Amino acid sequence: MRPNFFYKDNLTFLIPSADLLLNFAITYGGKLVLAIVTLIVGYWLIGRLTRMMRRIFEKREFDKTLQTFLIQLVGITLKILLAISVVTMVGVQMTSFIALLGAAGLAFGMALSGTLQNFAGGVMLLILKPFKVGDYIEAQGFAGTVMEIQIFHTILNTPDKKRIIIPNGGLSTSSMINYSAEPQRRVDWTFGIGYSDDIDKAKEIILELIVADDRVLKDPNPFVGVISLGDSSVNIVTRAWVDAPNYWDVFFKMNEAVKKEFDAKGISIPFPQHDVHLFQQK
């Protein structure tokens, strides 16, 4: 049966016949249904595979820094291969598809150059390993504990439980501070005393408090000394080494302990003040 035509406003419209629709359904219907089924089953299998990879990594205590990156990379690669397979099953010629994909990929790459830079940055972070999951770092104006290193971003959690997402591109090319890289850290304090107070007595009090804390390491030895003569105070610097996890606990405890001990021993902690002299004219 030939297709029918009708005319409207000097335009010709083609009405497909029942035979034409039937032939199309017979030719492409089976392939289309098979492609849809393959797509659904493929996505389900990819999801199962990535979940199984995560369980295996956790069971074998695989490096957490690589876990998320590898799982995402495998998932995206398999989905791209699945999409190519489905397009081939429908009947699209691979040569034409590859050419079209190449042109689209070029345009897509130019449009998403920043995203590709983030991907390259993620690869560099995994190769150079300036930090790992669980480290406390400061970078790009933010500080927090590294939770995940993803393909395009690194996720930090701040001490007050804010989630920060930093692009890998800038993170891999800029300066950063890794507070967890070394097992030990030095804690620094500066305590001010009045000019009329006994410097040796104040130093002795500080040193006794430092030595009494078991978390303070004996090697290197703690240091206590006068660092400057300020406008209102004699400033005594104190330095002690601790294991990195104990840094903040020792820092806060010493501030409180020194204040209480200074008060008990009669050592003043001055604050900025001005002396005003009045003269009466005769």
C-alpha atoms as a PDB file:
ATOM      1  CA  MET A   1       0.000   0.000   0.000  1.00  0.00           C
ATOM      2  CA  ARG A   2       1.322   3.383  -0.982  1.00  0.00           C
ATOM      3  CA  PRO A   3       1.561   6.202   1.548  1.00  0.00           C
ATOM      4  CA  ASN A   4      -1.188   8.853   1.390  1.00  0.00           C
ATOM      5  CA  PHE A   5      -0.644  12.561   0.849  1.00  0.00           C
ATOM      6  CA  PHE A   6      -2.701  15.564   1.795  1.00  0.00           C
ATOM      7  CA  TYR A   7      -2.221  19.225   1.014  1.00  0.00           C
ATOM      8  CA  LYS A   8      -2.596  22.290   3.186  1.00  0.00           C
ATOM      9  CA  ASP A   9      -1.540  25.832   2.401  1.00  0.00           C
ATOM     10  CA  ASN A  10       0.435  24.634  -0.635  1.00  0.00           C
ATOM     11  CA  LEU A  11       2.389  22.186   1.566  1.00  0.00           C
ATOM     12  CA  THR A  12       2.477  18.452   1.099  1.00  0.00           C
ATOM     13  CA  PHE A  13       2.260  16.152   4.126  1.00  0.00           C
ATOM     14  CA  LEU A  14       3.080  12.458   4.128  1.00  0.00           C
ATOM     15  CA  ILE A  15       0.752  10.137   6.048  1.00  0.00           C
ATOM     16  CA  PRO A  16       2.536   6.834   6.740  1.00  0.00           C
ATOM     17  CA  SER A  17       0.504   3.808   5.837  1.00  0.00           C
ATOM     18  CA  ALA A  18      -0.228   0.857   8.118  1.00  0.00           C
ATOM     19  CA  ASP A  19       2.181  -1.337   6.119  1.00  0.00           C
ATOM     20  CA  LEU A  20       4.966   1.187   6.524  1.00  0.00           C
ATOM     21  CA  LEU A  21       4.435   1.362  10.280  1.00  0.00           C
ATOM     22  CA  LEU A  22       4.299  -2.422  10.503  1.00  0.00           C
ATOM     23  CA  ASN A  23       7.525  -2.811   8.551  1.00  0.00           C
ATOM     24  CA  PHE A  24       9.207  -0.266  10.780  1.00  0.00           C
ATOM     25  CA  ALA A  25       8.017  -2.084  13.893  1.00  0.00           C
ATOM     26  CA  ILE A  26       9.215  -5.439  12.569  1.00  0.00           C
ATOM     27  CA  THR A  27      12.578  -4.036  11.515  1.00  0.00           C
ATOM     28  CA  TYR A  28      13.411  -1.890  14.541  1.00  0.00           C
ATOM     29  CA  GLY A  29      10.918  -2.844  17.240  1.00  0.00           C
ATOM     30  CA  GLY A  30      12.762  -5.924  18.425  1.00  0.00           C
ATOM     31  CA  LYS A  31      16.098  -4.120  18.449  1.00  0.00           C
ATOM     32  CA  LEU A  32      14.611  -1.183  20.345  1.00  0.00           C
ATOM     33  CA  VAL A  33      13.025  -3.403  22.994  1.00  0.00           C
ATOM     34  CA  LEU A  34      16.255  -5.392  23.362  1.00  0.00           C
ATOM     35  CA  ALA A  35      18.254  -2.163  23.674  1.00  0.00           C
ATOM     36  CA  ILE A  36      15.939  -0.829  26.411  1.00  0.00           C
ATOM     37  CA  VAL A  37      16.131  -4.114  28.327  1.00  0.00           C
ATOM     38  CA  THR A  38      19.920  -4.127  27.967  1.00  0.00           C
ATOM     39  CA  LEU A  39      20.104  -0.553  29.229  1.00  0.00           C
ATOM     40  CA  ILE A  40      17.983  -1.302  32.311  1.00  0.00           C
ATOM     41  CA  VAL A  41      19.763  -4.552  33.145  1.00  0.00           C
ATOM     42  CA  GLY A  42      23.160  -2.957  32.477  1.00  0.00           C
ATOM     43  CA  TYR A  43      22.525  -0.078  34.875  1.00  0.00           C
ATOM     44  CA  TRP A  44      21.365  -2.546  37.521  1.00  0.00           C
ATOM     45  CA  LEU A  45      24.480  -4.698  37.083  1.00  0.00           C
ATOM     46  CA  ILE A  46      26.767  -1.652  37.212  1.00  0.00           C
ATOM     47  CA  GLY A  47      25.116  -0.577  40.461  1.00  0.00           C
ATOM     48  CA  ARG A  48      25.579  -4.061  41.921  1.00  0.00           C
ATOM     49  CA  LEU A  49      29.217  -4.137  40.817  1.00  0.00           C
ATOM     50  CA  THR A  50      30.099  -0.766  42.358  1.00  0.00           C
ATOM     51  CA  ARG A  51      28.404  -1.723  45.637  1.00  0.00           C
ATOM     52  CA  MET A  52      30.289  -5.026  45.659  1.00  0.00           C
ATOM     53  CA  MET A  53      33.564  -3.163  45.033  1.00  0.00           C
ATOM     54  CA  ARG A  54      32.862  -0.900  48.004  1.00  0.00           C
ATOM     55  CA  ARG A  55      32.192  -3.894  50.290  1.00  0.00           C
ATOM     56  CA  ILE A  56      35.369  -5.652  49.132  1.00  0.00           C
ATOM     57  CA  PHE A  57      37.453  -2.511  49.655  1.00  0.00           C
ATOM     58  CA  GLU A  58      36.069  -2.037  53.163  1.00  0.00           C
ATOM     59  CA  LYS A  59      36.530  -5.705  54.066  1.00  0.00           C
ATOM     60  CA  ARG A  60      40.146  -5.733  52.916  1.00  0.00           C
ATOM     61  CA  GLU A  61      40.811  -2.291  54.437  1.00  0.00           C
ATOM     62  CA  PHE A  62      41.808  -0.875  51.059  1.00  0.00           C
ATOM     63  CA  ASP A  63      43.239   2.644  51.044  1.00  0.00           C
ATOM     64  CA  LYS A  64      40.252   4.919  51.706  1.00  0.00           C
ATOM     65  CA  THR A  65      41.836   7.654  49.633  1.00  0.00           C
ATOM     66  CA  LEU A  66      41.498   5.497  46.491  1.00  0.00           C
ATOM     67  CA  GLN A  67      38.164   3.834  47.238  1.00  0.00           C
ATOM     68  CA  THR A  68      35.735   6.548  46.137  1.00  0.00           C
ATOM     69  CA  PHE A  69      37.870   7.606  43.171  1.00  0.00           C
ATOM     70  CA  LEU A  70      38.174   4.062  41.746  1.00  0.00           C
ATOM     71  CA  ILE A  71      34.509   3.205  42.310  1.00  0.00           C
ATOM     72  CA  GLN A  72      33.338   6.351  40.531  1.00  0.00           C
ATOM     73  CA  LEU A  73      35.839   5.863  37.706  1.00  0.00           C
ATOM     74  CA  VAL A  74      34.745   2.249  37.098  1.00  0.00           C
ATOM     75  CA  GLY A  75      31.067   3.236  37.254  1.00  0.00           C
ATOM     76  CA  ILE A  76      31.385   6.061  34.719  1.00  0.00           C
ATOM     77  CA  THR A  77      33.510   3.952  32.343  1.00  0.00           C
ATOM     78  CA  LEU A  78      31.046   1.046  32.395  1.00  0.00           C
ATOM     79  CA  LYS A  79      28.106   3.383  31.796  1.00  0.00           C
ATOM     80  CA  ILE A  80      29.832   4.882  28.751  1.00  0.00           C
ATOM     81  CA  LEU A  81      30.529   1.407  27.353  1.00  0.00           C
ATOM     82  CA  LEU A  82      26.927   0.403  28.038  1.00  0.00           C
ATOM     83  CA  ALA A  83      25.624   3.465  26.165  1.00  0.00           C
ATOM     84  CA  ILE A  84      27.840   2.644  23.158  1.00  0.00           C
ATOM     85  CA  SER A  85      26.596  -0.971  23.171  1.00  0.00           C
ATOM     86  CA  VAL A  86      22.944   0.108  23.293  1.00  0.00           C
ATOM     87  CA  VAL A  87      23.396   2.543  20.408  1.00  0.00           C
ATOM     88  CA  THR A  88      25.053  -0.219  18.369  1.00  0.00           C
ATOM     89  CA  MET A  89      22.176  -2.618  19.072  1.00  0.00           C
ATOM     90  CA  VAL A  90      19.649  -0.122  17.730  1.00  0.00           C
ATOM     91  CA  GLY A  91      21.486  -0.203  14.407  1.00  0.00           C
ATOM     92  CA  VAL A  92      23.549   2.959  14.379  1.00  0.00           C
ATOM     93  CA  GLN A  93      26.757   2.467  12.383  1.00  0.00           C
ATOM     94  CA  MET A  94      29.797   2.620  14.646  1.00  0.00           C
ATOM     95  CA  THR A  95      31.880   4.615  12.169  1.00  0.00           C
ATOM     96  CA  SER A  96      29.275   7.359  11.987  1.00  0.00           C
ATOM     97  CA  PHE A  97      28.681   7.147  15.727  1.00  0.00           C
ATOM     98  CA  ILE A  98      32.381   7.401  16.537  1.00  0.00           C
ATOM     99  CA  ALA A  99      32.774  10.419  14.273  1.00  0.00           C
ATOM    100  CA  LEU A 100      29.738  12.059  15.862  1.00  0.00           C
ATOM    101  CA  LEU A 101      31.004  11.137  19.315  1.00  0.00           C
ATOM    102  CA  GLY A 102      34.414  12.616  18.548  1.00  0.00           C
ATOM    103  CA  ALA A 103      32.941  15.921  17.396  1.00  0.00           C
ATOM    104  CA  ALA A 104      30.623  16.037  20.375  1.00  0.00           C
ATOM    105  CA  GLY A 105      33.465  15.114  22.684  1.00  0.00           C
ATOM    106  CA  LEU A 106      35.593  17.984  21.364  1.00  0.00           C
ATOM    107  CA  ALA A 107      32.809  20.508  21.876  1.00  0.00           C
ATOM    108  CA  PHE A 108      31.941  18.989  25.243  1.00  0.00           C
ATOM    109  CA  GLY A 109      35.572  19.061  26.325  1.00  0.00           C
ATOM    110  CA  MET A 110      35.960  22.717  25.404  1.00  0.00           C
ATOM    111  CA  ALA A 111      32.787  23.584  27.285  1.00  0.00           C
ATOM    112  CA  LEU A 112      33.856  21.621  30.348  1.00  0.00           C
ATOM    113  CA  SER A 113      37.560  22.392  30.367  1.00  0.00           C
ATOM    114  CA  GLY A 114      37.334  23.236  34.062  1.00  0.00           C
ATOM    115  CA  THR A 115      35.763  19.865  34.834  1.00  0.00           C
ATOM    116  CA  LEU A 116      38.504  18.047  32.935  1.00  0.00           C
ATOM    117  CA  GLN A 117      41.065  20.071  34.880  1.00  0.00           C
ATOM    118  CA  ASN A 118      39.405  18.873  38.088  1.00  0.00           C
ATOM    119  CA  PHE A 119      39.636  15.278  36.880  1.00  0.00           C
ATOM    120  CA  ALA A 120      43.340  15.695  36.108  1.00  0.00           C
ATOM    121  CA  GLY A 121      43.783  17.320  39.518  1.00  0.00           C
ATOM    122  CA  GLY A 122      42.146  14.320  41.186  1.00  0.00           C
ATOM    123  CA  VAL A 123      44.540  11.966  39.402  1.00  0.00           C
ATOM    124  CA  MET A 124      47.517  14.070  40.524  1.00  0.00           C
ATOM    125  CA  LEU A 125      46.286  14.062  44.124  1.00  0.00           C
ATOM    126  CA  LEU A 126      46.113  10.279  44.086  1.00  0.00           C
ATOM    127  CA  ILE A 127      49.569   9.943  42.524  1.00  0.00           C
ATOM    128  CA  LEU A 128      51.410  12.515  44.664  1.00  0.00           C
ATOM    129  CA  LYS A 129      49.313  11.922  47.815  1.00  0.00           C
ATOM    130  CA  PRO A 130      49.841  15.272  49.572  1.00  0.00           C
ATOM    131  CA  PHE A 131      47.078  14.139  51.932  1.00  0.00           C
ATOM    132  CA  LYS A 132      44.819  11.155  52.524  1.00  0.00           C
ATOM    133  CA  VAL A 133      41.343  10.483  53.870  1.00  0.00           C
ATOM    134  CA  GLY A 134      41.277  11.356  57.562  1.00  0.00           C
ATOM    135  CA  ASP A 135      43.930  14.105  57.388  1.00  0.00           C
ATOM    136  CA  TYR A 136      43.158  17.599  58.651  1.00  0.00           C
ATOM    137  CA  ILE A 137      44.176  20.117  55.987  1.00  0.00           C
ATOM    138  CA  GLU A 138      43.858  23.818  55.211  1.00  0.00           C
ATOM    139  CA  ALA A 139      43.519  24.864  51.567  1.00  0.00           C
ATOM    140  CA  GLN A 140      41.644  27.322  49.351  1.00  0.00           C
ATOM    141  CA  GLY A 141      40.671  29.339  52.437  1.00  0.00           C
ATOM    142  CA  PHE A 142      39.024  26.355  54.163  1.00  0.00           C
ATOM    143  CA  ALA A 143      40.115  23.862  56.819  1.00  0.00           C
ATOM    144  CA  GLY A 144      38.682  20.473  57.711  1.00  0.00           C
ATOM    145  CA  THR A 145      39.088  16.714  57.797  1.00  0.00           C
ATOM    146  CA  VAL A 146      39.301  14.968  54.401  1.00  0.00           C
ATOM    147  CA  MET A 147      36.278  12.668  54.041  1.00  0.00           C
ATOM    148  CA  GLU A 148      36.454  11.688  50.347  1.00  0.00           C
ATOM    149  CA  ILE A 149      38.608  12.314  47.287  1.00  0.00           C
ATOM    150  CA  GLN A 150      36.173  12.029  44.375  1.00  0.00           C
ATOM    151  CA  ILE A 151      36.846  12.222  40.643  1.00  0.00           C
ATOM    152  CA  PHE A 152      36.206  15.964  40.408  1.00  0.00           C
ATOM    153  CA  HIS A 153      36.045  17.175  44.017  1.00  0.00           C
ATOM    154  CA  THR A 154      37.478  16.630  47.480  1.00  0.00           C
ATOM    155  CA  ILE A 155      35.063  16.714  50.416  1.00  0.00           C
ATOM    156  CA  LEU A 156      36.064  18.150  53.803  1.00  0.00           C
ATOM    157  CA  ASN A 157      34.217  18.203  57.109  1.00  0.00           C
ATOM    158  CA  THR A 158      34.887  21.122  59.446  1.00  0.00           C
ATOM    159  CA  PRO A 159      35.087  20.610  63.230  1.00  0.00           C
ATOM    160  CA  ASP A 160      31.566  22.094  63.543  1.00  0.00           C
ATOM    161  CA  LYS A 161      30.250  19.582  60.957  1.00  0.00           C
ATOM    162  CA  LYS A 162      30.033  21.749  57.860  1.00  0.00           C
ATOM    163  CA  ARG A 163      30.657  19.965  54.565  1.00  0.00           C
ATOM    164  CA  ILE A 164      33.034  21.734  52.181  1.00  0.00           C
ATOM    165  CA  ILE A 165      33.432  20.659  48.531  1.00  0.00           C
ATOM    166  CA  ILE A 166      36.665  21.839  46.896  1.00  0.00           C
ATOM    167  CA  PRO A 167      37.405  21.302  43.150  1.00  0.00           C
ATOM    168  CA  ASN A 168      40.445  19.074  42.640  1.00  0.00           C
ATOM    169  CA  GLY A 169      41.941  21.341  39.972  1.00  0.00           C
ATOM    170  CA  GLY A 170      42.644  24.249  42.280  1.00  0.00           C
ATOM    171  CA  LEU A 171      43.453  21.944  45.186  1.00  0.00           C
ATOM    172  CA  SER A 172      46.214  20.177  43.252  1.00  0.00           C
ATOM    173  CA  THR A 173      47.899  23.392  42.041  1.00  0.00           C
ATOM    174  CA  SER A 174      47.669  25.646  45.107  1.00  0.00           C
ATOM    175  CA  SER A 175      49.362  25.724  48.494  1.00  0.00           C
ATOM    176  CA  MET A 176      47.947  23.737  51.373  1.00  0.00           C
ATOM    177  CA  ILE A 177      48.761  22.880  54.971  1.00  0.00           C
ATOM    178  CA  ASN A 178      48.491  19.262  56.111  1.00  0.00           C
ATOM    179  CA  TYR A 179      48.285  19.276  59.903  1.00  0.00           C
ATOM    180  CA  SER A 180      48.200  15.468  60.064  1.00  0.00           C
ATOM    181  CA  ALA A 181      51.299  14.773  57.982  1.00  0.00           C
ATOM    182  CA  GLU A 182      53.648  14.603  60.998  1.00  0.00           C
ATOM    183  CA  PRO A 183      53.027  12.474  64.102  1.00  0.00           C
ATOM    184  CA  GLN A 184      54.085  15.297  66.450  1.00  0.00           C
ATOM    185  CA  ARG A 185      53.332  19.016  66.654  1.00  0.00           C
ATOM    186  CA  ARG A 186      54.742  21.912  68.637  1.00  0.00           C
ATOM    187  CA  VAL A 187      52.349  23.892  70.830  1.00  0.00           C
ATOM    188  CA  ASP A 188      53.180  27.593  71.299  1.00  0.00           C
ATOM    189  CA  TRP A 189      51.880  29.942  73.984  1.00  0.00           C
ATOM    190  CA  THR A 190      52.708  33.535  74.904  1.00  0.00           C
ATOM    191  CA  PHE A 191      51.930  34.606  78.470  1.00  0.00           C
ATOM    192  CA  GLY A 192      52.241  38.231  79.577  1.00  0.00           C
ATOM    193  CA  ILE A 193      53.201  39.265  83.121  1.00  0.00           C
ATOM    194  CA  GLY A 194      53.519  42.675  84.734  1.00  0.00           C
ATOM    195  CA  TYR A 195      56.809  44.558  84.781  1.00  0.00           C
ATOM    196  CA  SER A 196      56.801  44.425  88.591  1.00  0.00           C
ATOM    197  CA  ASP A 197      56.388  40.606  88.684  1.00  0.00           C
ATOM    198  CA  ASP A 198      59.198  38.103  89.174  1.00  0.00           C
ATOM    199  CA  ILE A 199      60.183  36.709  85.763  1.00  0.00           C
ATOM    200  CA  ASP A 200      62.003  33.671  87.181  1.00  0.00           C
ATOM    201  CA  LYS A 201      59.021  32.769  89.350  1.00  0.00           C
ATOM    202  CA  ALA A 202      56.639  33.016  86.402  1.00  0.00           C
ATOM    203  CA  LYS A 203      58.909  30.844  84.236  1.00  0.00           C
ATOM    204  CA  GLU A 204      59.159  28.271  87.031  1.00  0.00           C
ATOM    205  CA  ILE A 205      55.357  28.085  87.355  1.00  0.00           C
ATOM    206  CA  ILE A 206      54.884  27.601  83.626  1.00  0.00           C
ATOM    207  CA  LEU A 207      57.588  24.939  83.389  1.00  0.00           C
ATOM    208  CA  GLU A 208      56.163  22.990  86.347  1.00  0.00           C
ATOM    209  CA  LEU A 209      52.739  22.916  84.700  1.00  0.00           C
ATOM    210  CA  ILE A 210      54.239  21.780  81.388  1.00  0.00           C
ATOM    211  CA  VAL A 211      56.267  18.956  82.982  1.00  0.00           C
ATOM    212  CA  ALA A 212      53.290  17.805  85.059  1.00  0.00           C
ATOM    213  CA  ASP A 213      51.225  17.080  81.910  1.00  0.00           C
ATOM    214  CA  ASP A 214      51.939  13.501  80.792  1.00  0.00           C
ATOM    215  CA  ARG A 215      50.899  14.323  77.226  1.00  0.00           C
ATOM    216  CA  VAL A 216      53.808  16.713  76.799  1.00  0.00           C
ATOM    217  CA  LEU A 217      56.831  14.942  75.298  1.00  0.00           C
ATOM    218  CA  LYS A 218      60.145  15.015  77.155  1.00  0.00           C
ATOM    219  CA  ASP A 219      62.130  15.034  73.908  1.00  0.00           C
ATOM    220  CA  PRO A 220      62.472  17.694  72.583  1.00  0.00           C
ATOM    221  CA  ASN A 221      62.569  19.477  75.922  1.00  0.00           C
ATOM    222  CA  PRO A 222      59.974  22.194  76.613  1.00  0.00           C
ATOM    223  CA  PHE A 223      61.223  25.758  76.307  1.00  0.00           C
ATOM    224  CA  VAL A 224      60.235  28.805  78.369  1.00  0.00           C
ATOM    225  CA  GLY A 225      61.818  32.229  77.833  1.00  0.00           C
ATOM    226  CA  VAL A 226      61.188  35.962  77.504  1.00  0.00           C
ATOM    227  CA  ILE A 227      60.388  36.771  73.891  1.00  0.00           C
ATOM    228  CA  SER A 228      59.641  40.508  74.089  1.00  0.00           C
ATOM    229  CA  LEU A 229      59.103  43.520  76.320  1.00  0.00           C
ATOM    230  CA  GLY A 230      55.680  44.812  75.363  1.00  0.00           C
ATOM    231  CA  ASP A 231      53.984  48.131  76.032  1.00  0.00           C
ATOM    232  CA  SER A 232      52.158  46.772  79.053  1.00  0.00           C
ATOM    233  CA  SER A 233      53.696  43.370  79.767  1.00  0.00           C
ATOM    234  CA  VAL A 234      56.771  41.162  79.748  1.00  0.00           C
ATOM    235  CA  ASN A 235      55.905  38.430  77.256  1.00  0.00           C
ATOM    236  CA  ILE A 236      57.047  34.887  77.997  1.00  0.00           C
ATOM    237  CA  VAL A 237      56.975  32.382  75.156  1.00  0.00           C
ATOM    238  CA  THR A 238      56.409  28.691  75.916  1.00  0.00           C
ATOM    239  CA  ARG A 239      56.979  25.830  73.473  1.00  0.00           C
ATOM    240  CA  ALA A 240      56.293  22.134  73.993  1.00  0.00           C
ATOM    241  CA  TRP A 241      55.958  19.090  71.740  1.00  0.00           C
ATOM    242  CA  VAL A 242      52.977  16.737  71.819  1.00  0.00           C
ATOM    243  CA  ASP A 243      51.508  13.939  69.733  1.00  0.00           C
ATOM    244  CA  ALA A 244      49.390  15.497  66.994  1.00  0.00           C
ATOM    245  CA  PRO A 245      45.999  14.215  68.317  1.00  0.00           C
ATOM    246  CA  ASN A 246      46.677  15.883  71.705  1.00  0.00           C
ATOM    247  CA  TYR A 247      47.462  19.338  70.295  1.00  0.00           C
ATOM    248  CA  TRP A 248      44.248  21.205  71.115  1.00  0.00           C
ATOM    249  CA  ASP A 249      43.597  19.479  74.446  1.00  0.00           C
ATOM    250  CA  VAL A 250      47.035  20.468  75.745  1.00  0.00           C
ATOM    251  CA  PHE A 251      46.744  23.978  74.303  1.00  0.00           C
ATOM    252  CA  PHE A 252      43.420  24.754  76.008  1.00  0.00           C
ATOM    253  CA  LYS A 253      44.329  23.090  79.294  1.00  0.00           C
ATOM    254  CA  MET A 254      47.602  25.024  79.646  1.00  0.00           C
ATOM    255  CA  ASN A 255      45.903  28.377  79.042  1.00  0.00           C
ATOM    256  CA  GLU A 256      43.496  27.688  81.871  1.00  0.00           C
ATOM    257  CA  ALA A 257      46.085  26.149  84.218  1.00  0.00           C
ATOM    258  CA  VAL A 258      48.554  29.046  83.847  1.00  0.00           C
ATOM    259  CA  LYS A 259      45.857  31.652  84.549  1.00  0.00           C
ATOM    260  CA  LYS A 260      44.724  29.854  87.712  1.00  0.00           C
ATOM    261  CA  GLU A 261      48.285  29.287  88.948  1.00  0.00           C
ATOM    262  CA  PHE A 262      49.320  32.874  88.264  1.00  0.00           C
ATOM    263  CA  ASP A 263      46.326  34.087  90.284  1.00  0.00           C
ATOM    264  CA  ALA A 264      47.191  31.724  93.151  1.00  0.00           C
ATOM    265  CA  LYS A 265      50.873  32.734  93.198  1.00  0.00           C
ATOM    266  CA  GLY A 266      50.313  36.486  92.855  1.00  0.00           C
ATOM    267  CA  ILE A 267      51.567  36.844  89.250  1.00  0.00           C
ATOM    268  CA  SER A 268      49.552  39.482  87.401  1.00  0.00           C
ATOM    269  CA  ILE A 269      48.481  39.231  83.775  1.00  0.00           C
ATOM    270  CA  PRO A 270      48.241  42.881  82.677  1.00  0.00           C
ATOM    271  CA  PHE A 271      45.934  44.296  80.078  1.00  0.00           C
ATOM    272  CA  PRO A 272      46.505  47.378  77.900  1.00  0.00           C
ATOM    273  CA  GLN A 273      46.128  50.527  79.955  1.00  0.00           C
ATOM    274  CA  HIS A 274      47.014  54.219  79.885  1.00  0.00           C
ATOM    275  CA  ASP A 275      48.306  56.410  82.694  1.00  0.00           C
ATOM    276  CA  VAL A 276      46.669  59.841  82.767  1.00  0.00           C
ATOM    277  CA  HIS A 277      48.511  62.669  84.568  1.00  0.00           C
ATOM    278  CA  LEU A 278      46.582  65.807  85.488  1.00  0.00           C
ATOM    279  CA  PHE A 279      48.325  69.136  86.034  1.00  0.00           C
ATOM    280  CA  GLN A 280      46.645  72.085  87.653  1.00  0.00           C
ATOM    281  CA  GLN A 281      47.681  75.434  86.329  1.00  0.00           C
ATOM    282  CA  LYS A 282      48.248  78.166  88.894  1.00  0.00           C
END
